[in-house]
Each structure stands twice: as C-alpha cells, then as structure tokens.
Amino acid sequence: GFGALLFSGGDETGGLSSAATPDAAPTADSEIDTQRALYAD
C-alpha cells in the first residue's frame, strides 16, 4: 500500500528506478521476481 515510500530511487549500478523516471513504463513483475530470486541465490 505504501511501498513506493520505503526506498529511494538512487542507483549507482547504471540502472534507473521508476522513482527517477516517472514516465518509464512498468515491467513485468514476473521478470523482476526472477532477477530477485537470482540475486537471492
């Protein structure tokens, strides 16, 4: 409900978050979840 308020959009990896680019089109959650799972592994 308020997840957008919890974290900053700063990113030194070269990627951009939606907070930094409000007009960016949202990506599929499933792909992000896949990458999060890879990161967790």
PDB file of all heavy atoms in Angstrom:
ATOM      1  N   GLY A   1       0.797  -1.212   0.000  1.00  0.00           N
ATOM      2  CA  GLY A   1       0.000   0.000   0.000  1.00  0.00           C
ATOM      3  C   GLY A   1       0.829   1.261   0.000  1.00  0.00           C
ATOM      4  O   GLY A   1       0.393   2.288  -0.488  1.00  0.00           O
ATOM      5  N   PHE A   2       2.046   1.212   0.590  1.00  0.00           N
ATOM      6  CA  PHE A   2       2.872   2.412   0.592  1.00  0.00           C
ATOM      7  C   PHE A   2       4.306   2.063   0.243  1.00  0.00           C
ATOM      8  O   PHE A   2       5.238   2.738   0.619  1.00  0.00           O
ATOM      9  CB  PHE A   2       2.832   3.100   1.966  1.00  0.00           C
ATOM     10  CG  PHE A   2       3.201   2.193   3.111  1.00  0.00           C
ATOM     11  CD1 PHE A   2       4.518   2.104   3.544  1.00  0.00           C
ATOM     12  CD2 PHE A   2       2.228   1.424   3.739  1.00  0.00           C
ATOM     13  CE1 PHE A   2       4.841   1.265   4.593  1.00  0.00           C
ATOM     14  CE2 PHE A   2       2.583   0.592   4.786  1.00  0.00           C
ATOM     15  CZ  PHE A   2       3.877   0.509   5.219  1.00  0.00           C
ATOM     16  N   GLY A   3       4.480   0.982  -0.521  1.00  0.00           N
ATOM     17  CA  GLY A   3       5.827   0.533  -0.867  1.00  0.00           C
ATOM     18  C   GLY A   3       6.644   1.584  -1.564  1.00  0.00           C
ATOM     19  O   GLY A   3       7.857   1.660  -1.407  1.00  0.00           O
ATOM     20  N   ALA A   4       5.969   2.444  -2.357  1.00  0.00           N
ATOM     21  CA  ALA A   4       6.712   3.456  -3.098  1.00  0.00           C
ATOM     22  C   ALA A   4       7.398   4.446  -2.183  1.00  0.00           C
ATOM     23  O   ALA A   4       8.292   5.163  -2.595  1.00  0.00           O
ATOM     24  CB  ALA A   4       5.767   4.201  -4.042  1.00  0.00           C
ATOM     25  N   LEU A   5       6.992   4.498  -0.920  1.00  0.00           N
ATOM     26  CA  LEU A   5       7.575   5.456   0.001  1.00  0.00           C
ATOM     27  C   LEU A   5       8.766   4.894   0.756  1.00  0.00           C
ATOM     28  O   LEU A   5       9.451   5.626   1.454  1.00  0.00           O
ATOM     29  CB  LEU A   5       6.517   5.889   1.031  1.00  0.00           C
ATOM     30  CG  LEU A   5       5.274   6.557   0.467  1.00  0.00           C
ATOM     31  CD1 LEU A   5       4.319   6.870   1.610  1.00  0.00           C
ATOM     32  CD2 LEU A   5       5.626   7.826  -0.283  1.00  0.00           C
ATOM     33  N   LEU A   6       9.033   3.607   0.628  1.00  0.00           N
ATOM     34  CA  LEU A   6      10.008   2.986   1.510  1.00  0.00           C
ATOM     35  C   LEU A   6      11.448   3.113   1.051  1.00  0.00           C
ATOM     36  O   LEU A   6      12.351   3.060   1.867  1.00  0.00           O
ATOM     37  CB  LEU A   6       9.677   1.504   1.697  1.00  0.00           C
ATOM     38  CG  LEU A   6       8.380   1.213   2.437  1.00  0.00           C
ATOM     39  CD1 LEU A   6       8.203  -0.291   2.581  1.00  0.00           C
ATOM     40  CD2 LEU A   6       8.372   1.869   3.805  1.00  0.00           C
ATOM     41  N   PHE A   7      11.698   3.234  -0.224  1.00  0.00           N
ATOM     42  CA  PHE A   7      13.069   3.220  -0.706  1.00  0.00           C
ATOM     43  C   PHE A   7      13.309   4.333  -1.705  1.00  0.00           C
ATOM     44  O   PHE A   7      12.417   4.729  -2.448  1.00  0.00           O
ATOM     45  CB  PHE A   7      13.406   1.875  -1.369  1.00  0.00           C
ATOM     46  CG  PHE A   7      13.404   0.743  -0.401  1.00  0.00           C
ATOM     47  CD1 PHE A   7      12.238   0.041  -0.141  1.00  0.00           C
ATOM     48  CD2 PHE A   7      14.560   0.388   0.278  1.00  0.00           C
ATOM     49  CE1 PHE A   7      12.226  -0.989   0.757  1.00  0.00           C
ATOM     50  CE2 PHE A   7      14.549  -0.645   1.177  1.00  0.00           C
ATOM     51  CZ  PHE A   7      13.386  -1.344   1.424  1.00  0.00           C
ATOM     52  N   SER A   8      14.571   4.798  -1.741  1.00  0.00           N
ATOM     53  CA  SER A   8      14.933   5.850  -2.683  1.00  0.00           C
ATOM     54  C   SER A   8      15.138   5.261  -4.056  1.00  0.00           C
ATOM     55  O   SER A   8      15.333   4.071  -4.223  1.00  0.00           O
ATOM     56  CB  SER A   8      16.214   6.544  -2.224  1.00  0.00           C
ATOM     57  OG  SER A   8      17.301   5.645  -2.324  1.00  0.00           O
ATOM     58  N   GLY A   9      15.186   6.127  -5.038  1.00  0.00           N
ATOM     59  CA  GLY A   9      15.398   5.662  -6.400  1.00  0.00           C
ATOM     60  C   GLY A   9      16.849   5.698  -6.795  1.00  0.00           C
ATOM     61  O   GLY A   9      17.177   5.427  -7.929  1.00  0.00           O
ATOM     62  N   GLY A  10      17.767   6.109  -5.890  1.00  0.00           N
ATOM     63  CA  GLY A  10      19.172   6.207  -6.232  1.00  0.00           C
ATOM     64  C   GLY A  10      19.724   4.872  -6.642  1.00  0.00           C
ATOM     65  O   GLY A  10      19.414   3.855  -6.055  1.00  0.00           O
ATOM     66  N   ASP A  11      20.593   4.853  -7.646  1.00  0.00           N
ATOM     67  CA  ASP A  11      21.125   3.587  -8.140  1.00  0.00           C
ATOM     68  C   ASP A  11      22.472   3.841  -8.775  1.00  0.00           C
ATOM     69  O   ASP A  11      22.564   4.556  -9.761  1.00  0.00           O
ATOM     70  CB  ASP A  11      20.162   3.000  -9.176  1.00  0.00           C
ATOM     71  CG  ASP A  11      20.598   1.635  -9.656  1.00  0.00           C
ATOM     72  OD1 ASP A  11      21.612   1.128  -9.146  1.00  0.00           O
ATOM     73  OD2 ASP A  11      19.925   1.097 -10.550  1.00  0.00           O
ATOM     74  N   GLU A  12      23.544   3.299  -8.201  1.00  0.00           N
ATOM     75  CA  GLU A  12      24.869   3.516  -8.762  1.00  0.00           C
ATOM     76  C   GLU A  12      25.238   2.410  -9.730  1.00  0.00           C
ATOM     77  O   GLU A  12      26.362   2.311 -10.185  1.00  0.00           O
ATOM     78  CB  GLU A  12      25.908   3.603  -7.644  1.00  0.00           C
ATOM     79  CG  GLU A  12      26.067   2.333  -6.861  1.00  0.00           C
ATOM     80  CD  GLU A  12      26.971   2.524  -5.674  1.00  0.00           C
ATOM     81  OE1 GLU A  12      26.934   3.587  -5.060  1.00  0.00           O
ATOM     82  OE2 GLU A  12      27.722   1.596  -5.362  1.00  0.00           O
ATOM     83  N   THR A  13      24.289   1.541 -10.059  1.00  0.00           N
ATOM     84  CA  THR A  13      24.604   0.439 -10.958  1.00  0.00           C
ATOM     85  C   THR A  13      24.508   0.864 -12.414  1.00  0.00           C
ATOM     86  O   THR A  13      24.917   0.140 -13.307  1.00  0.00           O
ATOM     87  CB  THR A  13      23.613  -0.717 -10.744  1.00  0.00           C
ATOM     88  OG1 THR A  13      22.304  -0.265 -11.102  1.00  0.00           O
ATOM     89  CG2 THR A  13      23.620  -1.184  -9.313  1.00  0.00           C
ATOM     90  N   GLY A  14      23.908   2.011 -12.647  1.00  0.00           N
ATOM     91  CA  GLY A  14      23.702   2.429 -14.028  1.00  0.00           C
ATOM     92  C   GLY A  14      22.261   2.244 -14.445  1.00  0.00           C
ATOM     93  O   GLY A  14      21.803   2.801 -15.430  1.00  0.00           O
ATOM     94  N   GLY A  15      21.492   1.442 -13.669  1.00  0.00           N
ATOM     95  CA  GLY A  15      20.085   1.266 -13.962  1.00  0.00           C
ATOM     96  C   GLY A  15      19.280   2.378 -13.341  1.00  0.00           C
ATOM     97  O   GLY A  15      19.742   3.101 -12.473  1.00  0.00           O
ATOM     98  N   LEU A  16      18.026   2.541 -13.761  1.00  0.00           N
ATOM     99  CA  LEU A  16      17.182   3.596 -13.259  1.00  0.00           C
ATOM    100  C   LEU A  16      15.956   2.991 -12.615  1.00  0.00           C
ATOM    101  O   LEU A  16      15.430   1.983 -13.068  1.00  0.00           O
ATOM    102  CB  LEU A  16      16.754   4.527 -14.406  1.00  0.00           C
ATOM    103  CG  LEU A  16      17.884   5.251 -15.139  1.00  0.00           C
ATOM    104  CD1 LEU A  16      17.310   6.034 -16.319  1.00  0.00           C
ATOM    105  CD2 LEU A  16      18.625   6.172 -14.192  1.00  0.00           C
ATOM    106  N   SER A  17      15.504   3.609 -11.545  1.00  0.00           N
ATOM    107  CA  SER A  17      14.273   3.150 -10.911  1.00  0.00           C
ATOM    108  C   SER A  17      13.125   4.011 -11.398  1.00  0.00           C
ATOM    109  O   SER A  17      13.312   5.079 -11.977  1.00  0.00           O
ATOM    110  CB  SER A  17      14.390   3.265  -9.389  1.00  0.00           C
ATOM    111  OG  SER A  17      14.332   4.617  -9.001  1.00  0.00           O
ATOM    112  N   SER A  18      11.896   3.571 -11.118  1.00  0.00           N
ATOM    113  CA  SER A  18      10.734   4.329 -11.558  1.00  0.00           C
ATOM    114  C   SER A  18      10.634   5.649 -10.825  1.00  0.00           C
ATOM    115  O   SER A  18      10.022   6.575 -11.309  1.00  0.00           O
ATOM    116  CB  SER A  18       9.466   3.501 -11.358  1.00  0.00           C
ATOM    117  OG  SER A  18       9.309   3.144 -10.006  1.00  0.00           O
ATOM    118  N   ALA A  19      11.250   5.734  -9.602  1.00  0.00           N
ATOM    119  CA  ALA A  19      11.221   6.999  -8.881  1.00  0.00           C
ATOM    120  C   ALA A  19      12.026   8.049  -9.622  1.00  0.00           C
ATOM    121  O   ALA A  19      11.720   9.229  -9.602  1.00  0.00           O
ATOM    122  CB  ALA A  19      11.769   6.815  -7.469  1.00  0.00           C
ATOM    123  N   ALA A  20      13.111   7.599 -10.304  1.00  0.00           N
ATOM    124  CA  ALA A  20      13.954   8.535 -11.038  1.00  0.00           C
ATOM    125  C   ALA A  20      13.369   8.836 -12.415  1.00  0.00           C
ATOM    126  O   ALA A  20      13.635   9.872 -12.995  1.00  0.00           O
ATOM    127  CB  ALA A  20      15.357   7.974 -11.192  1.00  0.00           C
ATOM    128  N   THR A  21      12.571   7.912 -12.958  1.00  0.00           N
ATOM    129  CA  THR A  21      11.982   8.096 -14.280  1.00  0.00           C
ATOM    130  C   THR A  21      10.492   7.811 -14.187  1.00  0.00           C
ATOM    131  O   THR A  21      10.038   6.713 -14.503  1.00  0.00           O
ATOM    132  CB  THR A  21      12.635   7.151 -15.300  1.00  0.00           C
ATOM    133  OG1 THR A  21      12.509   5.810 -14.827  1.00  0.00           O
ATOM    134  CG2 THR A  21      14.103   7.467 -15.479  1.00  0.00           C
ATOM    135  N   PRO A  22       9.718   8.785 -13.742  1.00  0.00           N
ATOM    136  CA  PRO A  22       8.286   8.539 -13.506  1.00  0.00           C
ATOM    137  C   PRO A  22       7.518   8.162 -14.752  1.00  0.00           C
ATOM    138  O   PRO A  22       6.459   7.560 -14.663  1.00  0.00           O
ATOM    139  CB  PRO A  22       7.801   9.883 -12.938  1.00  0.00           C
ATOM    140  CG  PRO A  22       8.816  10.891 -13.404  1.00  0.00           C
ATOM    141  CD  PRO A  22      10.110  10.151 -13.422  1.00  0.00           C
ATOM    142  N   ASP A  23       8.038   8.497 -15.927  1.00  0.00           N
ATOM    143  CA  ASP A  23       7.308   8.177 -17.142  1.00  0.00           C
ATOM    144  C   ASP A  23       7.650   6.801 -17.693  1.00  0.00           C
ATOM    145  O   ASP A  23       7.111   6.384 -18.706  1.00  0.00           O
ATOM    146  CB  ASP A  23       7.630   9.232 -18.215  1.00  0.00           C
ATOM    147  CG  ASP A  23       7.149  10.609 -17.801  1.00  0.00           C
ATOM    148  OD1 ASP A  23       6.150  10.673 -17.057  1.00  0.00           O
ATOM    149  OD2 ASP A  23       7.782  11.595 -18.202  1.00  0.00           O
ATOM    150  N   ALA A  24       8.593   6.106 -17.002  1.00  0.00           N
ATOM    151  CA  ALA A  24       9.002   4.803 -17.507  1.00  0.00           C
ATOM    152  C   ALA A  24       7.843   3.820 -17.405  1.00  0.00           C
ATOM    153  O   ALA A  24       7.104   3.792 -16.430  1.00  0.00           O
ATOM    154  CB  ALA A  24      10.192   4.283 -16.718  1.00  0.00           C
ATOM    155  N   ALA A  25       7.708   3.003 -18.411  1.00  0.00           N
ATOM    156  CA  ALA A  25       6.630   2.015 -18.408  1.00  0.00           C
ATOM    157  C   ALA A  25       6.974   0.894 -17.439  1.00  0.00           C
ATOM    158  O   ALA A  25       8.119   0.451 -17.366  1.00  0.00           O
ATOM    159  CB  ALA A  25       6.462   1.446 -19.810  1.00  0.00           C
ATOM    160  N   PRO A  26       6.025   0.420 -16.657  1.00  0.00           N
ATOM    161  CA  PRO A  26       6.302  -0.663 -15.721  1.00  0.00           C
ATOM    162  C   PRO A  26       6.645  -1.947 -16.464  1.00  0.00           C
ATOM    163  O   PRO A  26       6.142  -2.220 -17.550  1.00  0.00           O
ATOM    164  CB  PRO A  26       4.984  -0.804 -14.945  1.00  0.00           C
ATOM    165  CG  PRO A  26       3.940  -0.263 -15.879  1.00  0.00           C
ATOM    166  CD  PRO A  26       4.606   0.837 -16.632  1.00  0.00           C
ATOM    167  N   THR A  27       7.533  -2.736 -15.864  1.00  0.00           N
ATOM    168  CA  THR A  27       7.923  -4.011 -16.449  1.00  0.00           C
ATOM    169  C   THR A  27       7.157  -5.127 -15.777  1.00  0.00           C
ATOM    170  O   THR A  27       6.541  -4.957 -14.744  1.00  0.00           O
ATOM    171  CB  THR A  27       9.424  -4.245 -16.282  1.00  0.00           C
ATOM    172  OG1 THR A  27       9.718  -4.220 -14.885  1.00  0.00           O
ATOM    173  CG2 THR A  27      10.231  -3.167 -16.986  1.00  0.00           C
ATOM    174  N   ALA A  28       7.232  -6.309 -16.378  1.00  0.00           N
ATOM    175  CA  ALA A  28       6.508  -7.457 -15.833  1.00  0.00           C
ATOM    176  C   ALA A  28       7.099  -7.825 -14.479  1.00  0.00           C
ATOM    177  O   ALA A  28       8.303  -8.001 -14.337  1.00  0.00           O
ATOM    178  CB  ALA A  28       6.610  -8.630 -16.803  1.00  0.00           C
ATOM    179  N   ASP A  29       6.212  -7.949 -13.488  1.00  0.00           N
ATOM    180  CA  ASP A  29       6.679  -8.307 -12.151  1.00  0.00           C
ATOM    181  C   ASP A  29       7.359  -9.665 -12.148  1.00  0.00           C
ATOM    182  O   ASP A  29       8.276  -9.898 -11.358  1.00  0.00           O
ATOM    183  CB  ASP A  29       5.490  -8.313 -11.174  1.00  0.00           C
ATOM    184  CG  ASP A  29       4.985  -6.912 -10.884  1.00  0.00           C
ATOM    185  OD1 ASP A  29       5.726  -5.951 -11.176  1.00  0.00           O
ATOM    186  OD2 ASP A  29       3.858  -6.789 -10.379  1.00  0.00           O
ATOM    187  N   SER A  30       6.920 -10.554 -13.019  1.00  0.00           N
ATOM    188  CA  SER A  30       7.493 -11.896 -13.007  1.00  0.00           C
ATOM    189  C   SER A  30       8.985 -11.872 -13.342  1.00  0.00           C
ATOM    190  O   SER A  30       9.773 -12.614 -12.755  1.00  0.00           O
ATOM    191  CB  SER A  30       6.758 -12.787 -14.010  1.00  0.00           C
ATOM    192  OG  SER A  30       6.851 -12.249 -15.324  1.00  0.00           O
ATOM    193  N   GLU A  31       9.403 -11.024 -14.274  1.00  0.00           N
ATOM    194  CA  GLU A  31      10.818 -10.929 -14.628  1.00  0.00           C
ATOM    195  C   GLU A  31      11.618 -10.326 -13.478  1.00  0.00           C
ATOM    196  O   GLU A  31      12.728 -10.776 -13.178  1.00  0.00           O
ATOM    197  CB  GLU A  31      11.002 -10.089 -15.898  1.00  0.00           C
ATOM    198  CG  GLU A  31      12.455  -9.840 -16.281  1.00  0.00           C
ATOM    199  CD  GLU A  31      13.244 -11.113 -16.525  1.00  0.00           C
ATOM    200  OE1 GLU A  31      12.621 -12.164 -16.829  1.00  0.00           O
ATOM    201  OE2 GLU A  31      14.485 -11.074 -16.400  1.00  0.00           O
ATOM    202  N   ILE A  32      11.077  -9.317 -12.825  1.00  0.00           N
ATOM    203  CA  ILE A  32      11.763  -8.722 -11.676  1.00  0.00           C
ATOM    204  C   ILE A  32      11.882  -9.750 -10.555  1.00  0.00           C
ATOM    205  O   ILE A  32      12.931  -9.877  -9.911  1.00  0.00           O
ATOM    206  CB  ILE A  32      11.012  -7.465 -11.191  1.00  0.00           C
ATOM    207  CG1 ILE A  32      11.080  -6.383 -12.269  1.00  0.00           C
ATOM    208  CG2 ILE A  32      11.593  -6.952  -9.884  1.00  0.00           C
ATOM    209  CD1 ILE A  32      10.283  -5.138 -11.955  1.00  0.00           C
ATOM    210  N   ASP A  33      10.808 -10.504 -10.321  1.00  0.00           N
ATOM    211  CA  ASP A  33      10.865 -11.550  -9.296  1.00  0.00           C
ATOM    212  C   ASP A  33      11.916 -12.595  -9.648  1.00  0.00           C
ATOM    213  O   ASP A  33      12.613 -13.109  -8.765  1.00  0.00           O
ATOM    214  CB  ASP A  33       9.489 -12.220  -9.155  1.00  0.00           C
ATOM    215  CG  ASP A  33       8.463 -11.301  -8.521  1.00  0.00           C
ATOM    216  OD1 ASP A  33       8.881 -10.296  -7.904  1.00  0.00           O
ATOM    217  OD2 ASP A  33       7.258 -11.576  -8.643  1.00  0.00           O
ATOM    218  N   THR A  34      12.032 -12.910 -10.940  1.00  0.00           N
ATOM    219  CA  THR A  34      13.054 -13.868 -11.363  1.00  0.00           C
ATOM    220  C   THR A  34      14.448 -13.346 -11.050  1.00  0.00           C
ATOM    221  O   THR A  34      15.304 -14.087 -10.542  1.00  0.00           O
ATOM    222  CB  THR A  34      12.933 -14.143 -12.879  1.00  0.00           C
ATOM    223  OG1 THR A  34      11.669 -14.747 -13.140  1.00  0.00           O
ATOM    224  CG2 THR A  34      14.049 -15.059 -13.350  1.00  0.00           C
ATOM    225  N   GLN A  35      14.688 -12.073 -11.327  1.00  0.00           N
ATOM    226  CA  GLN A  35      16.002 -11.488 -11.059  1.00  0.00           C
ATOM    227  C   GLN A  35      16.258 -11.397  -9.558  1.00  0.00           C
ATOM    228  O   GLN A  35      17.385 -11.612  -9.093  1.00  0.00           O
ATOM    229  CB  GLN A  35      16.095 -10.098 -11.697  1.00  0.00           C
ATOM    230  CG  GLN A  35      16.017 -10.106 -13.211  1.00  0.00           C
ATOM    231  CD  GLN A  35      17.103 -10.979 -13.838  1.00  0.00           C
ATOM    232  OE1 GLN A  35      18.264 -10.961 -13.422  1.00  0.00           O
ATOM    233  NE2 GLN A  35      16.715 -11.754 -14.852  1.00  0.00           N
ATOM    234  N   ARG A  36      15.217 -11.107  -8.792  1.00  0.00           N
ATOM    235  CA  ARG A  36      15.380 -11.087  -7.331  1.00  0.00           C
ATOM    236  C   ARG A  36      15.732 -12.480  -6.811  1.00  0.00           C
ATOM    237  O   ARG A  36      16.534 -12.630  -5.895  1.00  0.00           O
ATOM    238  CB  ARG A  36      14.100 -10.583  -6.669  1.00  0.00           C
ATOM    239  CG  ARG A  36      13.958  -9.065  -6.690  1.00  0.00           C
ATOM    240  CD  ARG A  36      12.744  -8.621  -5.912  1.00  0.00           C
ATOM    241  NE  ARG A  36      12.759  -7.185  -5.664  1.00  0.00           N
ATOM    242  CZ  ARG A  36      11.743  -6.373  -5.868  1.00  0.00           C
ATOM    243  NH1 ARG A  36      10.601  -6.853  -6.356  1.00  0.00           N
ATOM    244  NH2 ARG A  36      11.840  -5.082  -5.593  1.00  0.00           N
ATOM    245  N   ALA A  37      15.122 -13.489  -7.397  1.00  0.00           N
ATOM    246  CA  ALA A  37      15.430 -14.861  -6.985  1.00  0.00           C
ATOM    247  C   ALA A  37      16.874 -15.208  -7.327  1.00  0.00           C
ATOM    248  O   ALA A  37      17.572 -15.866  -6.541  1.00  0.00           O
ATOM    249  CB  ALA A  37      14.467 -15.839  -7.655  1.00  0.00           C
ATOM    250  N   LEU A  38      17.338 -14.770  -8.507  1.00  0.00           N
ATOM    251  CA  LEU A  38      18.729 -14.998  -8.890  1.00  0.00           C
ATOM    252  C   LEU A  38      19.672 -14.282  -7.927  1.00  0.00           C
ATOM    253  O   LEU A  38      20.702 -14.827  -7.517  1.00  0.00           O
ATOM    254  CB  LEU A  38      18.974 -14.515 -10.319  1.00  0.00           C
ATOM    255  CG  LEU A  38      18.301 -15.325 -11.439  1.00  0.00           C
ATOM    256  CD1 LEU A  38      18.488 -14.627 -12.783  1.00  0.00           C
ATOM    257  CD2 LEU A  38      18.875 -16.743 -11.475  1.00  0.00           C
ATOM    258  N   TYR A  39      19.302 -13.048  -7.566  1.00  0.00           N
ATOM    259  CA  TYR A  39      20.117 -12.285  -6.610  1.00  0.00           C
ATOM    260  C   TYR A  39      20.168 -13.000  -5.256  1.00  0.00           C
ATOM    261  O   TYR A  39      21.235 -13.139  -4.654  1.00  0.00           O
ATOM    262  CB  TYR A  39      19.543 -10.877  -6.435  1.00  0.00           C
ATOM    263  CG  TYR A  39      20.370  -9.990  -5.519  1.00  0.00           C
ATOM    264  CD1 TYR A  39      21.330  -9.133  -6.044  1.00  0.00           C
ATOM    265  CD2 TYR A  39      20.188 -10.021  -4.136  1.00  0.00           C
ATOM    266  CE1 TYR A  39      22.089  -8.322  -5.221  1.00  0.00           C
ATOM    267  CE2 TYR A  39      20.940  -9.218  -3.298  1.00  0.00           C
ATOM    268  CZ  TYR A  39      21.891  -8.374  -3.844  1.00  0.00           C
ATOM    269  OH  TYR A  39      22.645  -7.582  -3.003  1.00  0.00           O
ATOM    270  N   ALA A  40      19.006 -13.459  -4.798  1.00  0.00           N
ATOM    271  CA  ALA A  40      18.957 -14.154  -3.509  1.00  0.00           C
ATOM    272  C   ALA A  40      19.808 -15.425  -3.535  1.00  0.00           C
ATOM    273  O   ALA A  40      20.462 -15.770  -2.546  1.00  0.00           O
ATOM    274  CB  ALA A  40      17.509 -14.490  -3.160  1.00  0.00           C
ATOM    275  N   ASP A  41      19.811 -16.116  -4.676  1.00  0.00           N
ATOM    276  CA  ASP A  41      20.628 -17.317  -4.813  1.00  0.00           C
ATOM    277  C   ASP A  41      22.116 -16.973  -4.730  1.00  0.00           C
ATOM    278  O   ASP A  41      22.887 -17.652  -4.043  1.00  0.00           O
ATOM    279  CB  ASP A  41      20.318 -18.006  -6.137  1.00  0.00           C
ATOM    280  CG  ASP A  41      21.105 -19.297  -6.315  1.00  0.00           C
ATOM    281  OD1 ASP A  41      20.944 -20.215  -5.485  1.00  0.00           O
ATOM    282  OD2 ASP A  41      21.878 -19.403  -7.290  1.00  0.00           O
TER     283      ASP A  41
END
